[in-house]
C-alpha atoms as a PDB file:
ATOM      1  CA  MET A   1     -11.904   1.734 -17.531  1.00  0.00           C
ATOM      2  CA  ASN A   2      -9.729  -1.309 -16.729  1.00  0.00           C
ATOM      3  CA  PHE A   3      -6.919   0.252 -14.728  1.00  0.00           C
ATOM      4  CA  THR A   4      -5.919  -0.539 -11.203  1.00  0.00           C
ATOM      5  CA  HIS A   5      -3.392   1.279  -9.062  1.00  0.00           C
ATOM      6  CA  LEU A   6      -1.117  -1.277  -7.482  1.00  0.00           C
ATOM      7  CA  HIS A   7       1.184   1.100  -5.831  1.00  0.00           C
ATOM      8  CA  CYS A   8      -0.688   3.716  -3.866  1.00  0.00           C
ATOM      9  CA  HIS A   9       0.311   5.391  -0.511  1.00  0.00           C
ATOM     10  CA  SER A  10      -2.229   6.754   1.954  1.00  0.00           C
ATOM     11  CA  HIS A  11      -1.585   9.136   4.807  1.00  0.00           C
ATOM     12  CA  TYR A  12      -0.519   6.166   6.908  1.00  0.00           C
ATOM     13  CA  SER A  13       2.755   6.294   4.978  1.00  0.00           C
ATOM     14  CA  LEU A  14       4.401   8.829   7.332  1.00  0.00           C
ATOM     15  CA  LEU A  15       6.089  11.638   5.388  1.00  0.00           C
ATOM     16  CA  ASP A  16       5.380  10.045   2.096  1.00  0.00           C
ATOM     17  CA  GLY A  17       1.617   9.652   1.523  1.00  0.00           C
ATOM     18  CA  LEU A  18      -0.834  12.389   1.402  1.00  0.00           C
ATOM     19  CA  SER A  19      -4.266  10.866   0.465  1.00  0.00           C
ATOM     20  CA  LYS A  20      -6.691   9.895   3.164  1.00  0.00           C
ATOM     21  CA  VAL A  21      -8.639   6.833   2.622  1.00  0.00           C
ATOM     22  CA  ASP A  22     -12.008   8.280   2.075  1.00  0.00           C
ATOM     23  CA  PRO A  23     -11.084  10.644  -0.713  1.00  0.00           C
ATOM     24  CA  LEU A  24      -8.766   8.094  -2.301  1.00  0.00           C
ATOM     25  CA  VAL A  25     -11.636   5.396  -2.534  1.00  0.00           C
ATOM     26  CA  GLU A  26     -14.132   8.186  -3.592  1.00  0.00           C
ATOM     27  CA  ARG A  27     -11.883   9.270  -6.538  1.00  0.00           C
ATOM     28  CA  ALA A  28     -11.358   5.666  -7.642  1.00  0.00           C
ATOM     29  CA  LYS A  29     -15.103   5.079  -7.715  1.00  0.00           C
ATOM     30  CA  GLU A  30     -15.596   8.374  -9.679  1.00  0.00           C
ATOM     31  CA  LEU A  31     -13.071   7.138 -12.203  1.00  0.00           C
ATOM     32  CA  GLY A  32     -14.971   3.781 -12.492  1.00  0.00           C
ATOM     33  CA  MET A  33     -12.203   1.748 -11.052  1.00  0.00           C
ATOM     34  CA  GLY A  34     -13.219  -1.820 -10.030  1.00  0.00           C
ATOM     35  CA  ALA A  35     -10.135  -2.323  -7.795  1.00  0.00           C
ATOM     36  CA  LEU A  36      -7.603  -0.329  -5.767  1.00  0.00           C
ATOM     37  CA  ALA A  37      -4.465  -1.351  -3.845  1.00  0.00           C
ATOM     38  CA  VAL A  38      -2.999   0.345  -0.803  1.00  0.00           C
ATOM     39  CA  THR A  39       0.845  -0.220  -0.280  1.00  0.00           C
ATOM     40  CA  ASP A  40       1.917   2.042   2.502  1.00  0.00           C
ATOM     41  CA  HIS A  41       5.529   2.245   3.382  1.00  0.00           C
ATOM     42  CA  GLY A  42       6.383  -0.514   5.884  1.00  0.00           C
ATOM     43  CA  VAL A  43       3.030  -0.280   7.673  1.00  0.00           C
ATOM     44  CA  MET A  44      -0.354  -1.773   7.426  1.00  0.00           C
ATOM     45  CA  TYR A  45      -2.101   0.556   9.870  1.00  0.00           C
ATOM     46  CA  GLY A  46      -4.706   1.637   7.435  1.00  0.00           C
ATOM     47  CA  VAL A  47      -5.619  -1.781   5.969  1.00  0.00           C
ATOM     48  CA  ILE A  48      -8.883  -2.259   7.836  1.00  0.00           C
ATOM     49  CA  GLU A  49     -10.226   1.164   7.104  1.00  0.00           C
ATOM     50  CA  PHE A  50      -9.103   0.822   3.409  1.00  0.00           C
ATOM     51  CA  TYR A  51     -10.764  -2.622   3.036  1.00  0.00           C
ATOM     52  CA  ASN A  52     -14.085  -1.465   4.712  1.00  0.00           C
ATOM     53  CA  LYS A  53     -14.275   1.761   2.658  1.00  0.00           C
ATOM     54  CA  CYS A  54     -13.540  -0.159  -0.593  1.00  0.00           C
ATOM     55  CA  LYS A  55     -16.224  -2.762   0.056  1.00  0.00           C
ATOM     56  CA  GLU A  56     -18.826  -0.018   0.945  1.00  0.00           C
ATOM     57  CA  ALA A  57     -17.977   1.651  -2.492  1.00  0.00           C
ATOM     58  CA  GLY A  58     -18.188  -1.596  -4.453  1.00  0.00           C
ATOM     59  CA  ILE A  59     -14.431  -1.595  -5.167  1.00  0.00           C
ATOM     60  CA  LYS A  60     -12.222  -4.668  -4.852  1.00  0.00           C
ATOM     61  CA  PRO A  61      -9.621  -3.822  -2.088  1.00  0.00           C
ATOM     62  CA  ILE A  62      -6.062  -5.100  -2.719  1.00  0.00           C
ATOM     63  CA  VAL A  63      -4.144  -5.012   0.438  1.00  0.00           C
ATOM     64  CA  GLY A  64      -0.415  -4.849   0.483  1.00  0.00           C
ATOM     65  CA  LEU A  65       2.674  -2.773   1.554  1.00  0.00           C
ATOM     66  CA  GLU A  66       5.935  -1.349   0.330  1.00  0.00           C
ATOM     67  CA  ALA A  67       8.596  -3.306   2.191  1.00  0.00           C
ATOM     68  CA  TYR A  68      12.152  -2.325   2.652  1.00  0.00           C
ATOM     69  CA  VAL A  69      14.800  -4.817   1.387  1.00  0.00           C
ATOM     70  CA  ALA A  70      18.119  -4.596   3.279  1.00  0.00           C
ATOM     71  CA  PRO A  71      21.153  -5.168   1.020  1.00  0.00           C
ATOM     72  CA  ARG A  72      23.112  -7.459   3.599  1.00  0.00           C
ATOM     73  CA  GLY A  73      20.451  -8.525   6.020  1.00  0.00           C
ATOM     74  CA  MET A  74      17.965  -7.246   8.606  1.00  0.00           C
ATOM     75  CA  GLU A  75      20.425  -7.195  11.580  1.00  0.00           C
ATOM     76  CA  GLU A  76      23.393  -5.557   9.791  1.00  0.00           C
ATOM     77  CA  LYS A  77      23.319  -1.717   9.589  1.00  0.00           C
ATOM     78  CA  GLU A  78      26.234   0.385   8.786  1.00  0.00           C
ATOM     79  CA  GLY A  79      25.887   4.023   7.610  1.00  0.00           C
ATOM     80  CA  LYS A  80      26.802   4.359   4.038  1.00  0.00           C
ATOM     81  CA  VAL A  81      27.162   0.666   3.336  1.00  0.00           C
ATOM     82  CA  ASP A  82      23.503  -0.041   3.902  1.00  0.00           C
ATOM     83  CA  ALA A  83      22.201   3.301   2.786  1.00  0.00           C
ATOM     84  CA  ASP A  84      21.524   2.033  -0.776  1.00  0.00           C
ATOM     85  CA  TYR A  85      18.350  -0.174   0.059  1.00  0.00           C
ATOM     86  CA  HIS A  86      15.521  -1.149  -2.271  1.00  0.00           C
ATOM     87  CA  HIS A  87      11.778  -1.316  -1.986  1.00  0.00           C
ATOM     88  CA  LEU A  88       9.512  -4.281  -2.804  1.00  0.00           C
ATOM     89  CA  ILE A  89       5.772  -4.168  -3.286  1.00  0.00           C
ATOM     90  CA  LEU A  90       3.894  -7.030  -1.646  1.00  0.00           C
ATOM     91  CA  LEU A  91       0.257  -7.706  -2.438  1.00  0.00           C
ATOM     92  CA  ALA A  92      -1.745 -10.324  -0.403  1.00  0.00           C
ATOM     93  CA  GLN A  93      -3.517 -12.715  -2.678  1.00  0.00           C
ATOM     94  CA  ASN A  94      -5.702 -14.195   0.077  1.00  0.00           C
ATOM     95  CA  ASP A  95      -6.186 -14.233   3.901  1.00  0.00           C
ATOM     96  CA  ARG A  96      -3.168 -16.559   4.255  1.00  0.00           C
ATOM     97  CA  GLY A  97      -1.039 -14.038   2.240  1.00  0.00           C
ATOM     98  CA  LEU A  98      -2.138 -11.210   4.457  1.00  0.00           C
END
């Protein structure tokens, strides 16, 4: 199998992710995946745990996050005007990117 999930949330994505890191990595290994990404919503709390578990399982960890993109800017926030925001998946290519 040559498939890699590049948009995957863990339980560190509060109110959005369900998977705990251990079962997520175990399932990827069962399916023969060579790599797996974690892109939690706006946080990177689980990156170290995810990285270590992937390495132990022989899976290439891809570290990232799902960022929020403000329509007008980070400092401007107005009810309905800024309610229509977008998400952007960011993946680190190397230590510098991280």
